[in-house]
């Protein structure tokens, strides 16, 4: 019993001593602010958060597209002239008028937008308008 009492007294003294010492030790590890300051000195400022960056500006509209002409062969194959350049078998659709002749061309632009043009017309993506090419030259 005496040994148990002495053991309890020693444990109590040890606990009090440890408690008194812990208040004098201060902080053993750095606060998050201090750690960030040390990291900034060591590695430079942290990289910018991409979620906070403003979105990139939209790409500028493409150049105007002018339909200069359409030729449909008896075999069904077609040639289209866009901006004075031939386009053999374009991935665009030719629409026929009431007489069965090809009257308009449906262009699918890189933006996914579809535009219908007749030969001699020009589409300006900047303004979104279709005009006669002859109007542009005057």
N, C-alpha and C. Protein backbone atom coordinates (compact mmCIF):
# COMPACT_ATOMS: atom_id res chain seq x y z
N UNK A 1 0.82 -1.17 0.00
CA UNK A 1 0.00 0.00 0.00
C UNK A 1 0.88 1.26 0.00
N UNK A 2 1.93 1.18 0.76
CA UNK A 2 2.85 2.31 0.84
C UNK A 2 3.49 2.55 -0.54
N UNK A 3 3.82 1.47 -1.19
CA UNK A 3 4.42 1.62 -2.52
C UNK A 3 3.44 2.26 -3.49
N UNK A 4 2.21 1.90 -3.43
CA UNK A 4 1.19 2.46 -4.32
C UNK A 4 1.01 3.94 -4.06
N UNK A 5 1.06 4.32 -2.76
CA UNK A 5 0.92 5.72 -2.41
C UNK A 5 2.10 6.54 -2.92
N UNK A 6 3.30 6.00 -2.80
CA UNK A 6 4.50 6.68 -3.27
C UNK A 6 4.45 6.78 -4.80
N UNK A 7 4.02 5.74 -5.44
CA UNK A 7 3.91 5.75 -6.90
C UNK A 7 2.91 6.79 -7.37
N UNK A 8 1.79 6.91 -6.70
CA UNK A 8 0.79 7.94 -7.06
C UNK A 8 1.36 9.34 -6.86
N UNK A 9 2.09 9.55 -5.79
CA UNK A 9 2.68 10.86 -5.51
C UNK A 9 3.70 11.21 -6.59
N UNK A 10 4.50 10.25 -7.00
CA UNK A 10 5.48 10.51 -8.05
C UNK A 10 4.80 10.83 -9.39
N UNK A 11 3.78 10.10 -9.71
CA UNK A 11 3.05 10.37 -10.95
C UNK A 11 2.41 11.75 -10.93
N UNK A 12 1.87 12.16 -9.80
CA UNK A 12 1.25 13.48 -9.70
C UNK A 12 2.29 14.57 -9.87
N UNK A 13 3.46 14.38 -9.23
CA UNK A 13 4.53 15.38 -9.37
C UNK A 13 5.03 15.45 -10.82
N UNK A 14 5.13 14.32 -11.46
CA UNK A 14 5.58 14.29 -12.85
C UNK A 14 4.58 15.00 -13.76
N UNK A 15 3.31 14.77 -13.52
CA UNK A 15 2.28 15.43 -14.33
C UNK A 15 2.32 16.93 -14.15
N UNK A 16 2.48 17.39 -12.90
CA UNK A 16 2.54 18.83 -12.64
C UNK A 16 3.79 19.44 -13.28
N UNK A 17 4.90 18.75 -13.20
CA UNK A 17 6.14 19.25 -13.78
C UNK A 17 6.02 19.34 -15.31
N UNK A 18 5.44 18.31 -15.93
CA UNK A 18 5.27 18.31 -17.39
C UNK A 18 4.33 19.42 -17.82
N UNK A 19 3.29 19.65 -17.03
CA UNK A 19 2.33 20.71 -17.36
C UNK A 19 3.00 22.08 -17.26
N UNK A 20 3.81 22.27 -16.24
CA UNK A 20 4.50 23.55 -16.06
C UNK A 20 5.52 23.76 -17.17
N UNK A 21 6.20 22.72 -17.61
CA UNK A 21 7.20 22.85 -18.67
C UNK A 21 6.54 23.12 -20.02
N UNK A 22 5.38 22.52 -20.28
CA UNK A 22 4.74 22.71 -21.58
C UNK A 22 4.32 24.15 -21.79
N UNK A 23 3.99 24.87 -20.73
CA UNK A 23 3.62 26.28 -20.90
C UNK A 23 4.84 27.14 -21.22
N UNK A 24 6.04 26.70 -20.83
CA UNK A 24 7.25 27.46 -21.10
C UNK A 24 7.84 27.14 -22.46
N UNK A 25 7.51 25.99 -23.02
CA UNK A 25 8.09 25.61 -24.30
C UNK A 25 7.58 26.46 -25.46
N UNK A 26 6.37 26.93 -25.38
CA UNK A 26 5.82 27.71 -26.49
C UNK A 26 5.37 26.79 -27.62
N UNK A 27 5.22 27.34 -28.77
CA UNK A 27 4.74 26.57 -29.92
C UNK A 27 5.90 25.78 -30.53
N UNK A 28 5.69 24.48 -30.71
CA UNK A 28 6.75 23.65 -31.28
C UNK A 28 6.75 23.70 -32.80
N UNK A 29 5.56 23.86 -33.43
CA UNK A 29 5.45 23.88 -34.88
C UNK A 29 4.98 25.25 -35.34
N UNK A 30 5.17 25.53 -36.59
CA UNK A 30 4.80 26.84 -37.13
C UNK A 30 3.31 26.92 -37.43
N UNK A 31 2.80 28.14 -37.36
CA UNK A 31 1.40 28.35 -37.76
C UNK A 31 1.33 28.30 -39.29
N UNK A 32 0.15 28.12 -39.85
CA UNK A 32 0.04 28.10 -41.32
C UNK A 32 0.54 29.39 -41.97
N UNK A 33 0.34 30.51 -41.33
CA UNK A 33 0.82 31.77 -41.89
C UNK A 33 2.35 31.83 -41.92
N UNK A 34 2.96 31.38 -40.80
CA UNK A 34 4.42 31.36 -40.75
C UNK A 34 5.00 30.38 -41.78
N UNK A 35 4.35 29.23 -41.95
CA UNK A 35 4.80 28.24 -42.93
C UNK A 35 4.69 28.81 -44.35
N UNK A 36 3.61 29.52 -44.65
CA UNK A 36 3.44 30.13 -45.96
C UNK A 36 4.50 31.19 -46.21
N UNK A 37 4.85 31.96 -45.17
CA UNK A 37 5.88 33.00 -45.31
C UNK A 37 7.24 32.36 -45.58
N UNK A 38 7.58 31.29 -44.88
CA UNK A 38 8.85 30.61 -45.11
C UNK A 38 8.88 29.99 -46.51
N UNK A 39 7.78 29.38 -46.92
CA UNK A 39 7.72 28.79 -48.26
C UNK A 39 7.86 29.86 -49.35
N UNK A 40 7.25 31.04 -49.12
CA UNK A 40 7.36 32.12 -50.11
C UNK A 40 8.80 32.61 -50.21
N UNK A 41 9.50 32.66 -49.09
CA UNK A 41 10.90 33.08 -49.13
C UNK A 41 11.77 32.02 -49.82
N UNK A 42 11.42 30.77 -49.60
CA UNK A 42 12.24 29.69 -50.15
C UNK A 42 11.94 29.45 -51.63
N UNK A 43 10.67 29.39 -52.01
CA UNK A 43 10.28 28.99 -53.36
C UNK A 43 9.71 30.13 -54.21
N UNK A 44 9.54 31.29 -53.67
CA UNK A 44 8.91 32.37 -54.40
C UNK A 44 7.42 32.36 -54.11
N UNK A 45 6.69 33.32 -54.65
CA UNK A 45 5.25 33.39 -54.37
C UNK A 45 4.54 32.17 -54.96
N UNK A 46 3.43 31.77 -54.35
CA UNK A 46 2.69 30.61 -54.88
C UNK A 46 2.10 30.95 -56.25
N UNK A 47 1.90 29.94 -57.10
CA UNK A 47 1.32 30.21 -58.43
C UNK A 47 -0.11 30.69 -58.30
N UNK A 48 -0.53 31.45 -59.28
CA UNK A 48 -1.89 31.98 -59.27
C UNK A 48 -2.89 30.85 -59.45
N UNK A 49 -4.01 30.96 -58.81
CA UNK A 49 -5.06 29.95 -58.91
C UNK A 49 -5.76 30.11 -60.26
N UNK A 50 -5.75 29.07 -61.11
CA UNK A 50 -6.37 29.21 -62.43
C UNK A 50 -7.88 29.44 -62.36
N UNK A 51 -8.50 29.04 -61.26
CA UNK A 51 -9.95 29.26 -61.14
C UNK A 51 -10.26 30.75 -60.97
N UNK A 52 -9.30 31.51 -60.44
CA UNK A 52 -9.53 32.94 -60.23
C UNK A 52 -9.14 33.78 -61.43
N UNK A 53 -8.42 33.20 -62.39
CA UNK A 53 -7.98 33.95 -63.56
C UNK A 53 -9.17 34.24 -64.47
N UNK A 54 -9.19 35.40 -65.12
CA UNK A 54 -10.30 35.70 -66.02
C UNK A 54 -10.26 34.76 -67.22
N UNK A 55 -11.43 34.43 -67.77
CA UNK A 55 -11.44 33.51 -68.92
C UNK A 55 -10.77 34.18 -70.13
N UNK A 56 -10.17 33.39 -71.00
CA UNK A 56 -9.53 33.99 -72.17
C UNK A 56 -10.58 34.61 -73.09
N UNK A 57 -10.20 35.65 -73.82
CA UNK A 57 -11.18 36.28 -74.71
C UNK A 57 -11.55 35.33 -75.84
N UNK A 58 -12.76 35.48 -76.37
CA UNK A 58 -13.16 34.59 -77.48
C UNK A 58 -12.29 34.86 -78.70
N UNK A 59 -12.10 33.86 -79.53
CA UNK A 59 -11.28 34.07 -80.73
C UNK A 59 -11.95 35.06 -81.67
N UNK A 60 -11.16 35.81 -82.42
CA UNK A 60 -11.76 36.77 -83.35
C UNK A 60 -12.54 36.02 -84.44
N UNK A 61 -13.56 36.65 -84.97
CA UNK A 61 -14.33 36.00 -86.03
C UNK A 61 -13.45 35.76 -87.26
N UNK A 62 -13.79 34.73 -88.00
CA UNK A 62 -13.02 34.38 -89.19
C UNK A 62 -13.24 35.39 -90.31
N UNK A 63 -12.52 35.21 -91.40
CA UNK A 63 -12.67 36.12 -92.52
C UNK A 63 -14.02 35.87 -93.23
N UNK A 64 -14.47 36.84 -94.00
CA UNK A 64 -15.71 36.66 -94.75
C UNK A 64 -15.60 35.49 -95.72
N UNK A 65 -16.72 34.82 -95.97
CA UNK A 65 -16.78 33.69 -96.89
C UNK A 65 -17.67 34.10 -98.06
N UNK A 66 -17.12 34.02 -99.26
CA UNK A 66 -17.89 34.38 -100.46
C UNK A 66 -18.07 33.14 -101.32
N UNK A 67 -19.32 32.88 -101.72
CA UNK A 67 -19.62 31.77 -102.62
C UNK A 67 -19.55 32.31 -104.04
N UNK A 68 -18.50 31.91 -104.78
CA UNK A 68 -18.29 32.44 -106.12
C UNK A 68 -19.02 31.63 -107.18
N UNK A 69 -19.21 30.35 -106.97
CA UNK A 69 -19.91 29.56 -107.97
C UNK A 69 -20.04 28.10 -107.57
N UNK A 70 -20.95 27.40 -108.28
CA UNK A 70 -21.21 25.99 -108.03
C UNK A 70 -21.37 25.30 -109.37
N UNK A 71 -20.72 24.15 -109.53
CA UNK A 71 -20.90 23.32 -110.73
C UNK A 71 -21.26 21.92 -110.24
N UNK A 72 -22.39 21.40 -110.76
CA UNK A 72 -22.80 20.04 -110.44
C UNK A 72 -22.71 19.23 -111.72
N UNK A 73 -21.92 18.16 -111.72
CA UNK A 73 -21.76 17.31 -112.90
C UNK A 73 -22.91 16.32 -112.99
N UNK A 74 -23.04 15.73 -114.15
CA UNK A 74 -24.10 14.74 -114.35
C UNK A 74 -23.87 13.51 -113.48
N UNK A 75 -22.63 13.28 -113.07
CA UNK A 75 -22.34 12.15 -112.19
C UNK A 75 -22.80 12.41 -110.75
N UNK A 76 -23.18 13.65 -110.48
CA UNK A 76 -23.61 14.01 -109.13
C UNK A 76 -22.53 14.66 -108.30
N UNK A 77 -21.28 14.55 -108.75
CA UNK A 77 -20.18 15.20 -108.02
C UNK A 77 -20.26 16.70 -108.27
N UNK A 78 -19.79 17.46 -107.31
CA UNK A 78 -19.90 18.91 -107.44
C UNK A 78 -18.58 19.57 -107.11
N UNK A 79 -18.44 20.81 -107.64
CA UNK A 79 -17.30 21.66 -107.32
C UNK A 79 -17.88 23.00 -106.90
N UNK A 80 -17.35 23.51 -105.80
CA UNK A 80 -17.81 24.79 -105.25
C UNK A 80 -16.61 25.72 -105.16
N UNK A 81 -16.82 26.98 -105.49
CA UNK A 81 -15.77 27.99 -105.36
C UNK A 81 -16.11 28.87 -104.16
N UNK A 82 -15.26 28.81 -103.15
CA UNK A 82 -15.39 29.67 -101.97
C UNK A 82 -14.15 30.54 -101.90
N UNK A 83 -14.36 31.85 -101.85
CA UNK A 83 -13.25 32.82 -101.79
C UNK A 83 -12.24 32.56 -102.91
N UNK A 84 -12.74 32.32 -104.12
CA UNK A 84 -11.93 32.12 -105.32
C UNK A 84 -11.10 30.84 -105.27
N UNK A 85 -11.40 29.90 -104.38
CA UNK A 85 -10.69 28.63 -104.31
C UNK A 85 -11.68 27.49 -104.50
N UNK A 86 -11.26 26.48 -105.30
CA UNK A 86 -12.16 25.36 -105.56
C UNK A 86 -12.21 24.44 -104.35
N UNK A 87 -13.39 23.92 -104.12
CA UNK A 87 -13.64 22.97 -103.04
C UNK A 87 -14.33 21.77 -103.69
N UNK A 88 -13.59 20.71 -103.97
CA UNK A 88 -14.17 19.52 -104.56
C UNK A 88 -14.86 18.69 -103.49
N UNK A 89 -16.09 18.32 -103.77
CA UNK A 89 -16.88 17.51 -102.83
C UNK A 89 -16.80 18.08 -101.41
N UNK A 90 -17.32 19.28 -101.23
CA UNK A 90 -17.25 19.87 -99.89
C UNK A 90 -18.13 19.09 -98.90
N UNK A 91 -17.86 19.29 -97.65
CA UNK A 91 -18.67 18.66 -96.62
C UNK A 91 -19.90 19.51 -96.31
N UNK A 92 -20.28 20.31 -97.25
CA UNK A 92 -21.44 21.16 -97.10
C UNK A 92 -22.55 20.60 -98.00
N UNK A 93 -23.76 21.07 -97.78
CA UNK A 93 -24.89 20.53 -98.53
C UNK A 93 -25.35 21.53 -99.58
N UNK A 94 -25.62 21.01 -100.78
CA UNK A 94 -26.22 21.82 -101.83
C UNK A 94 -27.73 21.62 -101.79
N UNK A 95 -28.47 22.72 -101.74
CA UNK A 95 -29.92 22.64 -101.77
C UNK A 95 -30.39 23.00 -103.18
N UNK A 96 -31.39 22.32 -103.64
CA UNK A 96 -31.91 22.56 -104.99
C UNK A 96 -33.17 23.41 -104.90
N UNK A 97 -33.33 24.27 -105.91
CA UNK A 97 -34.54 25.09 -105.95
C UNK A 97 -35.68 24.29 -106.57
N UNK A 98 -36.82 24.92 -106.86
CA UNK A 98 -38.00 24.23 -107.36
C UNK A 98 -37.77 23.59 -108.73
N UNK A 99 -36.87 24.16 -109.54
CA UNK A 99 -36.61 23.61 -110.87
C UNK A 99 -35.63 22.43 -110.82
N UNK A 100 -35.09 22.13 -109.64
CA UNK A 100 -34.15 21.03 -109.52
C UNK A 100 -32.70 21.45 -109.66
N UNK A 101 -32.46 22.71 -109.95
CA UNK A 101 -31.09 23.22 -110.08
C UNK A 101 -30.57 23.59 -108.70
N UNK A 102 -29.27 23.39 -108.49
CA UNK A 102 -28.74 23.80 -107.18
C UNK A 102 -28.84 25.31 -107.04
N UNK A 103 -29.49 25.74 -105.98
CA UNK A 103 -29.70 27.17 -105.80
C UNK A 103 -28.90 27.74 -104.65
N UNK A 104 -28.79 27.02 -103.57
CA UNK A 104 -28.09 27.54 -102.40
C UNK A 104 -27.13 26.48 -101.86
N UNK A 105 -26.16 26.94 -101.13
CA UNK A 105 -25.20 26.05 -100.48
C UNK A 105 -25.30 26.31 -98.99
N UNK A 106 -25.47 25.25 -98.22
CA UNK A 106 -25.49 25.37 -96.77
C UNK A 106 -24.08 25.09 -96.26
N UNK A 107 -23.45 26.12 -95.73
CA UNK A 107 -22.09 26.01 -95.20
C UNK A 107 -22.14 25.74 -93.71
N UNK A 108 -21.34 24.81 -93.24
CA UNK A 108 -21.17 24.60 -91.80
C UNK A 108 -19.85 25.24 -91.42
N UNK A 109 -19.91 26.30 -90.62
CA UNK A 109 -18.72 27.03 -90.19
C UNK A 109 -18.01 26.28 -89.06
N UNK A 110 -16.79 26.69 -88.78
CA UNK A 110 -16.01 26.03 -87.73
C UNK A 110 -16.66 26.20 -86.36
N UNK A 111 -17.52 27.20 -86.20
CA UNK A 111 -18.22 27.41 -84.93
C UNK A 111 -19.42 26.50 -84.80
N UNK A 112 -19.76 25.75 -85.87
CA UNK A 112 -20.93 24.87 -85.84
C UNK A 112 -22.16 25.54 -86.44
N UNK A 113 -22.08 26.82 -86.68
CA UNK A 113 -23.20 27.56 -87.24
C UNK A 113 -23.37 27.20 -88.71
N UNK A 114 -24.61 27.16 -89.18
CA UNK A 114 -24.89 26.89 -90.59
C UNK A 114 -25.38 28.17 -91.26
N UNK A 115 -24.87 28.42 -92.47
CA UNK A 115 -25.23 29.61 -93.23
C UNK A 115 -25.60 29.16 -94.64
N UNK A 116 -26.70 29.70 -95.15
CA UNK A 116 -27.12 29.38 -96.53
C UNK A 116 -26.73 30.54 -97.43
N UNK A 117 -25.99 30.20 -98.50
CA UNK A 117 -25.53 31.21 -99.46
C UNK A 117 -25.91 30.80 -100.87
N UNK A 118 -26.22 31.79 -101.67
CA UNK A 118 -26.39 31.60 -103.11
C UNK A 118 -25.12 32.09 -103.79
N UNK A 119 -24.82 31.61 -105.00
CA UNK A 119 -23.64 32.13 -105.71
C UNK A 119 -23.72 33.65 -105.82
N UNK A 120 -22.60 34.30 -105.50
CA UNK A 120 -22.53 35.75 -105.53
C UNK A 120 -22.81 36.40 -104.19
N UNK A 121 -23.03 35.61 -103.16
CA UNK A 121 -23.27 36.17 -101.83
C UNK A 121 -22.06 35.97 -100.93
N UNK A 122 -21.95 36.84 -99.93
CA UNK A 122 -20.83 36.81 -98.99
C UNK A 122 -21.39 36.84 -97.57
N UNK A 123 -20.82 36.00 -96.71
CA UNK A 123 -21.19 35.99 -95.30
C UNK A 123 -20.05 36.57 -94.48
N UNK A 124 -20.36 37.56 -93.64
CA UNK A 124 -19.36 38.19 -92.79
C UNK A 124 -19.60 37.74 -91.35
N UNK A 125 -18.72 36.89 -90.78
CA UNK A 125 -18.92 36.40 -89.42
C UNK A 125 -18.87 37.51 -88.37
N UNK A 126 -18.14 38.58 -88.63
CA UNK A 126 -18.03 39.66 -87.65
C UNK A 126 -19.38 40.33 -87.41
N UNK A 127 -20.13 40.55 -88.48
CA UNK A 127 -21.43 41.21 -88.33
C UNK A 127 -22.58 40.22 -88.39
N UNK A 128 -22.32 39.00 -88.88
CA UNK A 128 -23.38 37.99 -88.98
C UNK A 128 -24.35 38.26 -90.12
N UNK A 129 -23.90 39.00 -91.14
CA UNK A 129 -24.80 39.37 -92.24
C UNK A 129 -24.39 38.69 -93.54
N UNK A 130 -25.40 38.47 -94.39
CA UNK A 130 -25.18 37.96 -95.74
C UNK A 130 -25.49 39.10 -96.69
N UNK A 131 -24.52 39.41 -97.57
CA UNK A 131 -24.71 40.49 -98.54
C UNK A 131 -24.36 39.97 -99.92
N UNK A 132 -24.82 40.69 -100.92
CA UNK A 132 -24.45 40.37 -102.30
C UNK A 132 -23.02 40.83 -102.51
N UNK A 133 -22.21 40.04 -103.16
CA UNK A 133 -20.80 40.39 -103.39
C UNK A 133 -20.68 41.66 -104.20
N UNK A 134 -21.64 41.90 -105.07
CA UNK A 134 -21.60 43.11 -105.90
C UNK A 134 -21.77 44.35 -105.04
N UNK A 135 -22.52 44.27 -103.95
CA UNK A 135 -22.68 45.39 -103.05
C UNK A 135 -21.36 45.75 -102.37
N UNK A 136 -20.56 44.74 -102.09
CA UNK A 136 -19.28 44.94 -101.42
C UNK A 136 -18.28 45.66 -102.33
N UNK A 137 -18.37 45.43 -103.66
CA UNK A 137 -17.42 46.01 -104.59
C UNK A 137 -17.73 47.45 -104.90
N UNK A 138 -18.98 47.88 -104.73
CA UNK A 138 -19.37 49.24 -105.09
C UNK A 138 -18.99 50.23 -104.03
